[in-house]
Amino acid sequence: MKSFSIIAQARHINYINEKLNLKKPSINKPILITADEEQVQLTESSMKKEELILKKDKLLVILQQVQELTNNNEAD
């Protein structure tokens, strides 16, 4: 009976490890507990490449909209 328990425990550990090692989402946002953790998360040095690209693209869209508004106001 003891060997069965050891085998079952080993298989259980292997199963858990396999589940934990599955591919995780590319952009994973942790739940931030403190203001310090939030500040660290917001800094560019801690951001993933995909997050930086998304922010850059959003900024480019905003800049384009501002430029269009400026051009429209100058035309009026």
Protein backbone atom coordinates (compact mmCIF):
# COMPACT_ATOMS: atom_id res chain seq x y z
CA MET A 1 0.00 0.00 0.00
CA LYS A 2 2.87 2.36 0.71
CA SER A 3 4.27 2.03 -2.81
CA PHE A 4 0.83 2.86 -4.25
CA SER A 5 0.74 6.09 -2.23
CA ILE A 6 4.22 7.04 -3.42
CA ILE A 7 3.30 6.35 -7.06
CA ALA A 8 0.01 8.26 -6.73
CA GLN A 9 1.78 11.21 -5.14
CA ALA A 10 4.44 11.27 -7.89
CA ARG A 11 1.78 11.15 -10.61
CA HIS A 12 -0.16 13.92 -8.90
CA ILE A 13 2.95 16.11 -8.77
CA ASN A 14 3.70 15.38 -12.43
CA TYR A 15 0.12 16.26 -13.39
CA ILE A 16 0.28 19.58 -11.54
CA ASN A 17 3.65 20.42 -13.11
CA GLU A 18 2.32 19.66 -16.58
CA LYS A 19 -0.69 21.94 -16.02
CA LEU A 20 1.49 24.75 -14.70
CA ASN A 21 3.85 24.52 -17.67
CA LEU A 22 1.11 24.92 -20.27
CA LYS A 23 1.48 27.91 -22.58
CA LYS A 24 0.33 31.04 -20.81
CA PRO A 25 -1.32 34.04 -22.50
CA SER A 26 1.15 36.42 -24.13
CA ILE A 27 -0.06 39.41 -22.16
CA ASN A 28 -0.74 38.52 -18.58
CA LYS A 29 -1.77 41.27 -16.18
CA PRO A 30 -1.14 40.51 -12.50
CA ILE A 31 -3.45 41.83 -9.80
CA LEU A 32 -1.55 44.71 -8.25
CA ILE A 33 -1.62 44.89 -4.47
CA THR A 34 0.28 48.08 -3.66
CA ALA A 35 0.85 51.43 -5.36
CA ASP A 36 4.54 50.54 -5.69
CA GLU A 37 3.69 47.39 -7.65
CA GLU A 38 1.42 49.42 -9.89
CA GLN A 39 4.17 51.96 -10.56
CA VAL A 40 6.65 49.22 -11.42
CA GLN A 41 4.14 47.65 -13.79
CA LEU A 42 3.59 50.94 -15.57
CA THR A 43 7.26 51.60 -16.27
CA GLU A 44 8.50 50.76 -19.71
CA SER A 45 11.38 48.69 -18.38
CA SER A 46 8.98 46.13 -16.95
CA MET A 47 6.67 46.05 -19.97
CA LYS A 48 6.65 43.29 -22.53
CA LYS A 49 7.37 43.98 -26.18
CA GLU A 50 3.73 43.40 -27.15
CA GLU A 51 2.53 45.90 -24.55
CA LEU A 52 4.99 48.53 -25.76
CA ILE A 53 3.86 48.02 -29.36
CA LEU A 54 0.20 48.40 -28.36
CA LYS A 55 0.94 51.62 -26.46
CA LYS A 56 2.98 52.97 -29.36
CA ASP A 57 0.18 52.22 -31.82
CA LYS A 58 -2.40 53.92 -29.59
CA LEU A 59 -0.19 56.99 -29.28
CA LEU A 60 0.27 57.17 -33.04
CA VAL A 61 -3.50 57.09 -33.55
CA ILE A 62 -3.97 59.87 -30.99
CA LEU A 63 -1.23 61.98 -32.59
CA GLN A 64 -2.83 61.52 -36.01
CA GLN A 65 -6.20 62.65 -34.61
CA VAL A 66 -4.60 65.72 -33.02
CA GLN A 67 -2.89 66.58 -36.29
CA GLU A 68 -6.17 66.26 -38.19
CA LEU A 69 -7.96 68.49 -35.66
CA THR A 70 -5.19 71.07 -35.92
CA ASN A 71 -5.35 71.03 -39.71
CA ASN A 72 -9.15 71.38 -39.64
CA ASN A 73 -8.97 74.32 -37.22
CA GLU A 74 -6.38 76.07 -39.38
CA ALA A 75 -8.57 75.62 -42.45
CA ASP A 76 -11.55 77.25 -40.70
